[in-house]
Amino acid sequence: MSKIVFIGGGNMASCLIGGMLANGFSSQDITVSEPNDDSRQRMKSTHGVLTTADNLAAVSQADIVVLAVKPQIMAAVASPLEAKLKHKPIIVSIAAGIPVGALQSWLGQDLKIVRAMPNTPAMVQSGATGLFANQSLDGGQQAMIENIFSAVGYACWVGQESDIDAVTAVSGSGPAYFFLVYEAMLKVAQELGLEKQTASQLTLHTALGAARLALASESTPNELREQVTSPGGTTQAAIESFQAQDLEGIFRTAMTSALERAKEMSDDFAG
């Protein structure tokens, strides 16, 4: 079994490890390198994985190194690792906005590097992750990377690095869009007379049911919408109101703004 090392023991690393263990990975094949003693102890007690505070020792025998630290400290954490990566493990970065070029400048030019863009629903095994590799992975390597992220939800590969910025705009930032809609529906539902708990549960179960229905159906979004929309009925009145406010245009502007910001962040790290 491949030896997998996480550099950083924060929430995303913890949820990935939890999903991996639930999907057949061995805790003895996973090491977490983390400077904070409390975080190390939490990882050991929660997941039973190996822990250390020595990044260099951890990566020296790794087959896969998952960089799970904040983008702001990535350079300081990654640069010292280069001397211990001569055996060329696969590097996986889950830090937003850091391009492959920057990672190569810190870690070495000839490494296989995967950029992963998971999102926060991974914490409840319902995530969506986009993956990009700078070099071709063999079948076993690609499957292993997929297994790490599919353990906490859906994972897919994109063909070029710039697509990761689009993934960020769609699924990386996407949960916040739905939470914003949830917030608005909850507020209005209470104004319409529903109790907060009732309004919340109705809204969330409607969102959950709609997503499950769409996943299970071969119908297009338009066809699914039409199934709910009776001519001259309540749903049509609501839909026409959304369309009058150019809902699609609002989302286009918002998601394009997210995309442009992702590009700016990548440019900043690229120097």
C-alpha atoms as a PDB file:
ATOM      1  CA  MET A   1       0.000   0.000   0.000  1.00  0.00           C
ATOM      2  CA  SER A   2       1.240   3.513  -0.763  1.00  0.00           C
ATOM      3  CA  LYS A   3       2.566   5.598   2.102  1.00  0.00           C
ATOM      4  CA  ILE A   4       0.641   8.876   2.257  1.00  0.00           C
ATOM      5  CA  VAL A   5       1.894  11.888   4.219  1.00  0.00           C
ATOM      6  CA  PHE A   6      -0.191  14.936   5.066  1.00  0.00           C
ATOM      7  CA  ILE A   7       1.744  18.108   5.745  1.00  0.00           C
ATOM      8  CA  GLY A   8      -0.693  19.969   7.967  1.00  0.00           C
ATOM      9  CA  GLY A   9      -3.347  18.540  10.267  1.00  0.00           C
ATOM     10  CA  GLY A  10      -6.241  20.966   9.892  1.00  0.00           C
ATOM     11  CA  ASN A  11      -9.931  20.378   9.216  1.00  0.00           C
ATOM     12  CA  MET A  12      -9.641  19.418   5.548  1.00  0.00           C
ATOM     13  CA  ALA A  13      -6.807  16.977   6.227  1.00  0.00           C
ATOM     14  CA  SER A  14      -8.850  15.441   9.025  1.00  0.00           C
ATOM     15  CA  CYS A  15     -11.957  15.007   6.891  1.00  0.00           C
ATOM     16  CA  LEU A  16      -9.949  13.510   4.009  1.00  0.00           C
ATOM     17  CA  ILE A  17      -8.291  11.048   6.362  1.00  0.00           C
ATOM     18  CA  GLY A  18     -11.619  10.149   7.949  1.00  0.00           C
ATOM     19  CA  GLY A  19     -13.087   9.409   4.528  1.00  0.00           C
ATOM     20  CA  MET A  20     -10.034   7.429   3.483  1.00  0.00           C
ATOM     21  CA  LEU A  21     -10.162   5.228   6.577  1.00  0.00           C
ATOM     22  CA  ALA A  22     -13.876   4.610   6.029  1.00  0.00           C
ATOM     23  CA  ASN A  23     -13.058   3.485   2.488  1.00  0.00           C
ATOM     24  CA  GLY A  24     -10.419   0.898   3.228  1.00  0.00           C
ATOM     25  CA  PHE A  25      -7.184   2.835   3.706  1.00  0.00           C
ATOM     26  CA  SER A  26      -5.012   1.667   6.600  1.00  0.00           C
ATOM     27  CA  SER A  27      -4.222   4.141   9.374  1.00  0.00           C
ATOM     28  CA  GLN A  28      -0.676   2.753   9.423  1.00  0.00           C
ATOM     29  CA  ASP A  29      -0.134   3.922   5.848  1.00  0.00           C
ATOM     30  CA  ILE A  30      -1.020   7.522   6.724  1.00  0.00           C
ATOM     31  CA  THR A  31       1.250   9.982   8.511  1.00  0.00           C
ATOM     32  CA  VAL A  32       0.330  13.508   9.552  1.00  0.00           C
ATOM     33  CA  SER A  33       3.140  16.000  10.076  1.00  0.00           C
ATOM     34  CA  GLU A  34       1.908  18.895  12.176  1.00  0.00           C
ATOM     35  CA  PRO A  35       3.830  21.349  14.417  1.00  0.00           C
ATOM     36  CA  ASN A  36       0.988  21.841  16.903  1.00  0.00           C
ATOM     37  CA  ASP A  37       1.028  19.206  19.630  1.00  0.00           C
ATOM     38  CA  ASP A  38      -2.718  19.397  20.294  1.00  0.00           C
ATOM     39  CA  SER A  39      -3.468  18.867  16.608  1.00  0.00           C
ATOM     40  CA  ARG A  40      -1.116  15.886  16.456  1.00  0.00           C
ATOM     41  CA  GLN A  41      -2.753  14.309  19.477  1.00  0.00           C
ATOM     42  CA  ARG A  42      -6.204  14.911  18.019  1.00  0.00           C
ATOM     43  CA  MET A  43      -5.218  13.237  14.753  1.00  0.00           C
ATOM     44  CA  LYS A  44      -3.765  10.256  16.591  1.00  0.00           C
ATOM     45  CA  SER A  45      -6.721   9.801  18.944  1.00  0.00           C
ATOM     46  CA  THR A  46      -9.392  10.438  16.285  1.00  0.00           C
ATOM     47  CA  HIS A  47      -7.934   8.499  13.373  1.00  0.00           C
ATOM     48  CA  GLY A  48      -5.169   6.323  14.794  1.00  0.00           C
ATOM     49  CA  VAL A  49      -2.711   7.554  12.163  1.00  0.00           C
ATOM     50  CA  LEU A  50       1.005   8.064  12.614  1.00  0.00           C
ATOM     51  CA  THR A  51       2.023  11.596  13.593  1.00  0.00           C
ATOM     52  CA  THR A  52       5.192  13.645  13.695  1.00  0.00           C
ATOM     53  CA  ALA A  53       6.382  17.224  13.908  1.00  0.00           C
ATOM     54  CA  ASP A  54       9.259  16.570  11.474  1.00  0.00           C
ATOM     55  CA  ASN A  55       8.202  17.377   7.910  1.00  0.00           C
ATOM     56  CA  LEU A  56      11.503  16.279   6.401  1.00  0.00           C
ATOM     57  CA  ALA A  57      11.478  12.865   8.035  1.00  0.00           C
ATOM     58  CA  ALA A  58       7.824  12.389   7.102  1.00  0.00           C
ATOM     59  CA  VAL A  59       8.224  13.032   3.373  1.00  0.00           C
ATOM     60  CA  SER A  60      11.475  11.116   2.947  1.00  0.00           C
ATOM     61  CA  GLN A  61       9.648   7.759   2.676  1.00  0.00           C
ATOM     62  CA  ALA A  62       6.337   8.968   1.248  1.00  0.00           C
ATOM     63  CA  ASP A  63       4.764   7.811  -1.995  1.00  0.00           C
ATOM     64  CA  ILE A  64       2.214  10.654  -1.914  1.00  0.00           C
ATOM     65  CA  VAL A  65       2.634  13.982  -0.106  1.00  0.00           C
ATOM     66  CA  VAL A  66      -0.531  16.004   0.489  1.00  0.00           C
ATOM     67  CA  LEU A  67       0.217  19.662   1.161  1.00  0.00           C
ATOM     68  CA  ALA A  68      -2.640  20.756   3.411  1.00  0.00           C
ATOM     69  CA  VAL A  69      -1.429  24.102   4.738  1.00  0.00           C
ATOM     70  CA  LYS A  70      -2.691  27.622   4.188  1.00  0.00           C
ATOM     71  CA  PRO A  71      -1.579  29.297   0.942  1.00  0.00           C
ATOM     72  CA  GLN A  72       0.126  32.124   2.852  1.00  0.00           C
ATOM     73  CA  ILE A  73       2.638  29.766   4.466  1.00  0.00           C
ATOM     74  CA  MET A  74       3.030  27.284   1.613  1.00  0.00           C
ATOM     75  CA  ALA A  75       6.360  28.660   0.381  1.00  0.00           C
ATOM     76  CA  ALA A  76       7.902  28.539   3.854  1.00  0.00           C
ATOM     77  CA  VAL A  77       6.640  24.999   4.434  1.00  0.00           C
ATOM     78  CA  ALA A  78       7.348  23.591   0.977  1.00  0.00           C
ATOM     79  CA  SER A  79      10.803  24.955   0.190  1.00  0.00           C
ATOM     80  CA  PRO A  80      12.713  22.934   2.838  1.00  0.00           C
ATOM     81  CA  LEU A  81      11.146  19.707   1.561  1.00  0.00           C
ATOM     82  CA  GLU A  82      12.961  19.739  -1.786  1.00  0.00           C
ATOM     83  CA  ALA A  83      16.073  17.996  -0.442  1.00  0.00           C
ATOM     84  CA  LYS A  84      13.975  15.045   0.776  1.00  0.00           C
ATOM     85  CA  LEU A  85      11.986  14.516  -2.432  1.00  0.00           C
ATOM     86  CA  LYS A  86      14.703  12.932  -4.587  1.00  0.00           C
ATOM     87  CA  HIS A  87      12.670   9.698  -4.697  1.00  0.00           C
ATOM     88  CA  LYS A  88       9.958  11.704  -6.512  1.00  0.00           C
ATOM     89  CA  PRO A  89       6.724  11.105  -4.626  1.00  0.00           C
ATOM     90  CA  ILE A  90       3.508  12.510  -6.083  1.00  0.00           C
ATOM     91  CA  ILE A  91       2.780  15.945  -4.619  1.00  0.00           C
ATOM     92  CA  VAL A  92      -0.849  16.888  -4.042  1.00  0.00           C
ATOM     93  CA  SER A  93      -1.672  20.476  -3.111  1.00  0.00           C
ATOM     94  CA  ILE A  94      -5.091  21.404  -1.733  1.00  0.00           C
ATOM     95  CA  ALA A  95      -4.116  25.048  -1.221  1.00  0.00           C
ATOM     96  CA  ALA A  96      -6.252  27.420  -3.262  1.00  0.00           C
ATOM     97  CA  GLY A  97      -4.607  29.746  -5.757  1.00  0.00           C
ATOM     98  CA  ILE A  98      -1.090  28.285  -5.841  1.00  0.00           C
ATOM     99  CA  PRO A  99      -0.095  27.306  -9.409  1.00  0.00           C
ATOM    100  CA  VAL A 100       2.021  24.321 -10.355  1.00  0.00           C
ATOM    101  CA  GLY A 101       4.860  26.648 -11.377  1.00  0.00           C
ATOM    102  CA  ALA A 102       5.165  28.041  -7.863  1.00  0.00           C
ATOM    103  CA  LEU A 103       5.109  24.561  -6.335  1.00  0.00           C
ATOM    104  CA  GLN A 104       7.829  23.447  -8.770  1.00  0.00           C
ATOM    105  CA  SER A 105      10.002  26.412  -7.850  1.00  0.00           C
ATOM    106  CA  TRP A 106       9.839  25.388  -4.190  1.00  0.00           C
ATOM    107  CA  LEU A 107       9.851  21.581  -4.485  1.00  0.00           C
ATOM    108  CA  GLY A 108      11.660  20.731  -7.734  1.00  0.00           C
ATOM    109  CA  GLN A 109      10.925  20.958 -11.436  1.00  0.00           C
ATOM    110  CA  ASP A 110      10.562  17.279 -12.315  1.00  0.00           C
ATOM    111  CA  LEU A 111       7.936  16.186  -9.783  1.00  0.00           C
ATOM    112  CA  LYS A 112       4.454  14.973 -10.563  1.00  0.00           C
ATOM    113  CA  ILE A 113       2.212  17.589  -8.995  1.00  0.00           C
ATOM    114  CA  VAL A 114      -1.554  17.404  -8.581  1.00  0.00           C
ATOM    115  CA  ARG A 115      -3.613  20.465  -7.753  1.00  0.00           C
ATOM    116  CA  ALA A 116      -6.830  19.547  -5.964  1.00  0.00           C
ATOM    117  CA  MET A 117      -9.755  21.889  -5.309  1.00  0.00           C
ATOM    118  CA  PRO A 118     -12.028  20.250  -2.718  1.00  0.00           C
ATOM    119  CA  ASN A 119     -14.893  22.089  -1.061  1.00  0.00           C
ATOM    120  CA  THR A 120     -16.225  22.235   2.479  1.00  0.00           C
ATOM    121  CA  PRO A 121     -19.033  19.641   2.079  1.00  0.00           C
ATOM    122  CA  ALA A 122     -16.165  17.130   2.005  1.00  0.00           C
ATOM    123  CA  MET A 123     -16.435  17.432   5.783  1.00  0.00           C
ATOM    124  CA  VAL A 124     -19.682  15.447   5.574  1.00  0.00           C
ATOM    125  CA  GLN A 125     -18.519  13.137   2.751  1.00  0.00           C
ATOM    126  CA  SER A 126     -20.479  15.147   0.179  1.00  0.00           C
ATOM    127  CA  GLY A 127     -17.669  17.133  -1.381  1.00  0.00           C
ATOM    128  CA  ALA A 128     -16.879  17.954  -4.976  1.00  0.00           C
ATOM    129  CA  THR A 129     -13.220  18.056  -6.000  1.00  0.00           C
ATOM    130  CA  GLY A 130     -11.529  19.062  -9.248  1.00  0.00           C
ATOM    131  CA  LEU A 131      -8.092  17.550  -9.950  1.00  0.00           C
ATOM    132  CA  PHE A 132      -5.300  18.567 -12.340  1.00  0.00           C
ATOM    133  CA  ALA A 133      -1.958  16.808 -12.846  1.00  0.00           C
ATOM    134  CA  ASN A 134       1.027  18.521 -14.458  1.00  0.00           C
ATOM    135  CA  GLN A 135       2.332  15.176 -15.770  1.00  0.00           C
ATOM    136  CA  SER A 136       0.607  11.970 -16.770  1.00  0.00           C
ATOM    137  CA  LEU A 137       0.049   9.618 -13.860  1.00  0.00           C
ATOM    138  CA  ASP A 138       0.064   5.883 -14.419  1.00  0.00           C
ATOM    139  CA  GLY A 139      -3.166   3.990 -13.830  1.00  0.00           C
ATOM    140  CA  GLY A 140      -2.345   3.047 -10.263  1.00  0.00           C
ATOM    141  CA  GLN A 141      -1.244   6.550  -9.330  1.00  0.00           C
ATOM    142  CA  GLN A 142      -4.318   8.177 -10.821  1.00  0.00           C
ATOM    143  CA  ALA A 143      -6.595   5.696  -9.076  1.00  0.00           C
ATOM    144  CA  MET A 144      -4.903   6.337  -5.742  1.00  0.00           C
ATOM    145  CA  ILE A 145      -5.352  10.110  -6.012  1.00  0.00           C
ATOM    146  CA  GLU A 146      -8.973   9.647  -7.070  1.00  0.00           C
ATOM    147  CA  ASN A 147      -9.554   7.309  -4.127  1.00  0.00           C
ATOM    148  CA  ILE A 148      -8.329   9.930  -1.663  1.00  0.00           C
ATOM    149  CA  PHE A 149     -10.834  12.527  -2.828  1.00  0.00           C
ATOM    150  CA  SER A 150     -13.723  10.270  -3.839  1.00  0.00           C
ATOM    151  CA  ALA A 151     -13.630   9.039  -0.238  1.00  0.00           C
ATOM    152  CA  VAL A 152     -15.246  12.366   0.706  1.00  0.00           C
ATOM    153  CA  GLY A 153     -17.546  12.864  -2.288  1.00  0.00           C
ATOM    154  CA  TYR A 154     -17.267  13.370  -6.044  1.00  0.00           C
ATOM    155  CA  ALA A 155     -13.903  13.828  -7.766  1.00  0.00           C
ATOM    156  CA  CYS A 156     -13.065  14.537 -11.408  1.00  0.00           C
ATOM    157  CA  TRP A 157     -10.008  15.394 -13.499  1.00  0.00           C
ATOM    158  CA  VAL A 158      -9.698  18.523 -15.621  1.00  0.00           C
ATOM    159  CA  GLY A 159      -7.486  18.793 -18.671  1.00  0.00           C
ATOM    160  CA  GLN A 160      -5.614  22.034 -18.067  1.00  0.00           C
ATOM    161  CA  GLU A 161      -4.504  23.983 -15.045  1.00  0.00           C
ATOM    162  CA  SER A 162      -6.616  27.023 -15.897  1.00  0.00           C
ATOM    163  CA  ASP A 163      -9.680  24.796 -15.458  1.00  0.00           C
ATOM    164  CA  ILE A 164      -8.929  24.680 -11.731  1.00  0.00           C
ATOM    165  CA  ASP A 165      -9.870  28.368 -11.563  1.00  0.00           C
ATOM    166  CA  ALA A 166     -13.225  27.481 -13.127  1.00  0.00           C
ATOM    167  CA  VAL A 167     -13.618  24.636 -10.624  1.00  0.00           C
ATOM    168  CA  THR A 168     -12.983  27.179  -7.872  1.00  0.00           C
ATOM    169  CA  ALA A 169     -15.740  29.421  -9.238  1.00  0.00           C
ATOM    170  CA  VAL A 170     -18.206  26.521  -9.538  1.00  0.00           C
ATOM    171  CA  SER A 171     -17.692  24.056  -6.703  1.00  0.00           C
ATOM    172  CA  GLY A 172     -14.927  25.580  -4.583  1.00  0.00           C
ATOM    173  CA  SER A 173     -16.917  28.727  -3.857  1.00  0.00           C
ATOM    174  CA  GLY A 174     -20.252  27.163  -4.804  1.00  0.00           C
ATOM    175  CA  PRO A 175     -21.377  26.056  -1.322  1.00  0.00           C
ATOM    176  CA  ALA A 176     -21.447  29.719  -0.283  1.00  0.00           C
ATOM    177  CA  TYR A 177     -23.824  30.498  -3.156  1.00  0.00           C
ATOM    178  CA  PHE A 178     -26.257  27.886  -1.889  1.00  0.00           C
ATOM    179  CA  PHE A 179     -25.857  29.066   1.695  1.00  0.00           C
ATOM    180  CA  LEU A 180     -26.707  32.581   0.502  1.00  0.00           C
ATOM    181  CA  VAL A 181     -29.869  31.259  -1.168  1.00  0.00           C
ATOM    182  CA  TYR A 182     -30.644  29.270   1.991  1.00  0.00           C
ATOM    183  CA  GLU A 183     -30.193  32.405   4.091  1.00  0.00           C
ATOM    184  CA  ALA A 184     -32.542  34.394   1.843  1.00  0.00           C
ATOM    185  CA  MET A 185     -35.220  31.683   1.684  1.00  0.00           C
ATOM    186  CA  LEU A 186     -35.081  31.201   5.452  1.00  0.00           C
ATOM    187  CA  LYS A 187     -35.565  34.910   6.084  1.00  0.00           C
ATOM    188  CA  VAL A 188     -38.440  35.278   3.634  1.00  0.00           C
ATOM    189  CA  ALA A 189     -40.126  32.080   4.816  1.00  0.00           C
ATOM    190  CA  GLN A 190     -40.241  33.494   8.330  1.00  0.00           C
ATOM    191  CA  GLU A 191     -41.661  36.749   6.983  1.00  0.00           C
ATOM    192  CA  LEU A 192     -44.382  34.616   5.361  1.00  0.00           C
ATOM    193  CA  GLY A 193     -45.277  33.246   8.776  1.00  0.00           C
ATOM    194  CA  LEU A 194     -43.334  29.994   9.205  1.00  0.00           C
ATOM    195  CA  GLU A 195     -41.400  29.203  12.365  1.00  0.00           C
ATOM    196  CA  LYS A 196     -37.630  29.348  11.925  1.00  0.00           C
ATOM    197  CA  GLN A 197     -37.057  25.614  12.475  1.00  0.00           C
ATOM    198  CA  THR A 198     -39.844  24.666  10.104  1.00  0.00           C
ATOM    199  CA  ALA A 199     -38.631  27.117   7.471  1.00  0.00           C
ATOM    200  CA  SER A 200     -35.067  25.849   7.806  1.00  0.00           C
ATOM    201  CA  GLN A 201     -35.964  22.181   7.490  1.00  0.00           C
ATOM    202  CA  LEU A 202     -38.310  22.744   4.562  1.00  0.00           C
ATOM    203  CA  THR A 203     -35.655  24.775   2.728  1.00  0.00           C
ATOM    204  CA  LEU A 204     -32.805  22.344   3.351  1.00  0.00           C
ATOM    205  CA  HIS A 205     -34.788  19.225   2.521  1.00  0.00           C
ATOM    206  CA  THR A 206     -36.052  20.887  -0.645  1.00  0.00           C
ATOM    207  CA  ALA A 207     -32.463  21.618  -1.686  1.00  0.00           C
ATOM    208  CA  LEU A 208     -31.359  18.086  -0.785  1.00  0.00           C
ATOM    209  CA  GLY A 209     -34.291  16.516  -2.607  1.00  0.00           C
ATOM    210  CA  ALA A 210     -33.810  18.648  -5.700  1.00  0.00           C
ATOM    211  CA  ALA A 211     -30.116  17.720  -5.869  1.00  0.00           C
ATOM    212  CA  ARG A 212     -30.865  14.016  -5.415  1.00  0.00           C
ATOM    213  CA  LEU A 213     -33.589  14.131  -8.039  1.00  0.00           C
ATOM    214  CA  ALA A 214     -31.274  15.856 -10.532  1.00  0.00           C
ATOM    215  CA  LEU A 215     -28.496  13.336  -9.866  1.00  0.00           C
ATOM    216  CA  ALA A 216     -30.864  10.417 -10.359  1.00  0.00           C
ATOM    217  CA  SER A 217     -32.519  11.819 -13.489  1.00  0.00           C
ATOM    218  CA  GLU A 218     -31.391  12.000 -17.097  1.00  0.00           C
ATOM    219  CA  SER A 219     -33.577  15.073 -17.632  1.00  0.00           C
ATOM    220  CA  THR A 220     -32.055  18.481 -18.280  1.00  0.00           C
ATOM    221  CA  PRO A 221     -32.341  21.212 -15.627  1.00  0.00           C
ATOM    222  CA  ASN A 222     -34.931  22.929 -17.820  1.00  0.00           C
ATOM    223  CA  GLU A 223     -36.986  19.737 -18.065  1.00  0.00           C
ATOM    224  CA  LEU A 224     -36.804  19.196 -14.312  1.00  0.00           C
ATOM    225  CA  ARG A 225     -37.935  22.770 -13.729  1.00  0.00           C
ATOM    226  CA  GLU A 226     -40.828  22.380 -16.136  1.00  0.00           C
ATOM    227  CA  GLN A 227     -41.988  19.291 -14.241  1.00  0.00           C
ATOM    228  CA  VAL A 228     -42.572  21.526 -11.202  1.00  0.00           C
ATOM    229  CA  THR A 229     -43.985  24.484 -13.121  1.00  0.00           C
ATOM    230  CA  SER A 230     -47.689  24.342 -13.931  1.00  0.00           C
ATOM    231  CA  PRO A 231     -48.868  27.007 -16.415  1.00  0.00           C
ATOM    232  CA  GLY A 232     -50.328  29.937 -14.556  1.00  0.00           C
ATOM    233  CA  GLY A 233     -49.441  28.407 -11.191  1.00  0.00           C
ATOM    234  CA  THR A 234     -47.438  29.490  -8.161  1.00  0.00           C
ATOM    235  CA  THR A 235     -44.096  28.187  -9.403  1.00  0.00           C
ATOM    236  CA  GLN A 236     -44.465  29.983 -12.730  1.00  0.00           C
ATOM    237  CA  ALA A 237     -45.101  33.237 -10.888  1.00  0.00           C
ATOM    238  CA  ALA A 238     -41.891  32.765  -8.891  1.00  0.00           C
ATOM    239  CA  ILE A 239     -39.822  31.703 -11.914  1.00  0.00           C
ATOM    240  CA  GLU A 240     -40.992  34.673 -13.962  1.00  0.00           C
ATOM    241  CA  SER A 241     -39.951  36.963 -11.113  1.00  0.00           C
ATOM    242  CA  PHE A 242     -36.464  35.396 -11.051  1.00  0.00           C
ATOM    243  CA  GLN A 243     -36.189  35.756 -14.827  1.00  0.00           C
ATOM    244  CA  ALA A 244     -37.299  39.374 -14.715  1.00  0.00           C
ATOM    245  CA  GLN A 245     -34.414  40.045 -12.332  1.00  0.00           C
ATOM    246  CA  ASP A 246     -32.015  38.246 -14.735  1.00  0.00           C
ATOM    247  CA  LEU A 247     -31.038  35.488 -12.317  1.00  0.00           C
ATOM    248  CA  GLU A 248     -28.751  33.875 -14.907  1.00  0.00           C
ATOM    249  CA  GLY A 249     -26.962  37.189 -15.433  1.00  0.00           C
ATOM    250  CA  ILE A 250     -26.495  37.600 -11.684  1.00  0.00           C
ATOM    251  CA  PHE A 251     -24.883  34.169 -11.451  1.00  0.00           C
ATOM    252  CA  ARG A 252     -22.745  34.838 -14.527  1.00  0.00           C
ATOM    253  CA  THR A 253     -21.389  38.035 -12.991  1.00  0.00           C
ATOM    254  CA  ALA A 254     -20.803  36.400  -9.616  1.00  0.00           C
ATOM    255  CA  MET A 255     -19.070  33.291 -10.935  1.00  0.00           C
ATOM    256  CA  THR A 256     -16.959  35.311 -13.387  1.00  0.00           C
ATOM    257  CA  SER A 257     -15.887  37.502 -10.459  1.00  0.00           C
ATOM    258  CA  ALA A 258     -14.834  34.380  -8.544  1.00  0.00           C
ATOM    259  CA  LEU A 259     -12.937  33.119 -11.588  1.00  0.00           C
ATOM    260  CA  GLU A 260     -11.074  36.415 -12.039  1.00  0.00           C
ATOM    261  CA  ARG A 261     -10.148  36.519  -8.358  1.00  0.00           C
ATOM    262  CA  ALA A 262      -8.827  32.954  -8.571  1.00  0.00           C
ATOM    263  CA  LYS A 263      -6.648  33.987 -11.523  1.00  0.00           C
ATOM    264  CA  GLU A 264      -5.371  37.011  -9.590  1.00  0.00           C
ATOM    265  CA  MET A 265      -4.430  34.810  -6.652  1.00  0.00           C
ATOM    266  CA  SER A 266      -2.554  32.422  -8.945  1.00  0.00           C
ATOM    267  CA  ASP A 267      -0.729  35.366 -10.563  1.00  0.00           C
ATOM    268  CA  ASP A 268       0.280  36.669  -7.139  1.00  0.00           C
ATOM    269  CA  PHE A 269       1.914  33.358  -6.212  1.00  0.00           C
ATOM    270  CA  ALA A 270       3.435  32.993  -9.660  1.00  0.00           C
ATOM    271  CA  GLY A 271       5.285  36.224  -9.007  1.00  0.00           C
END
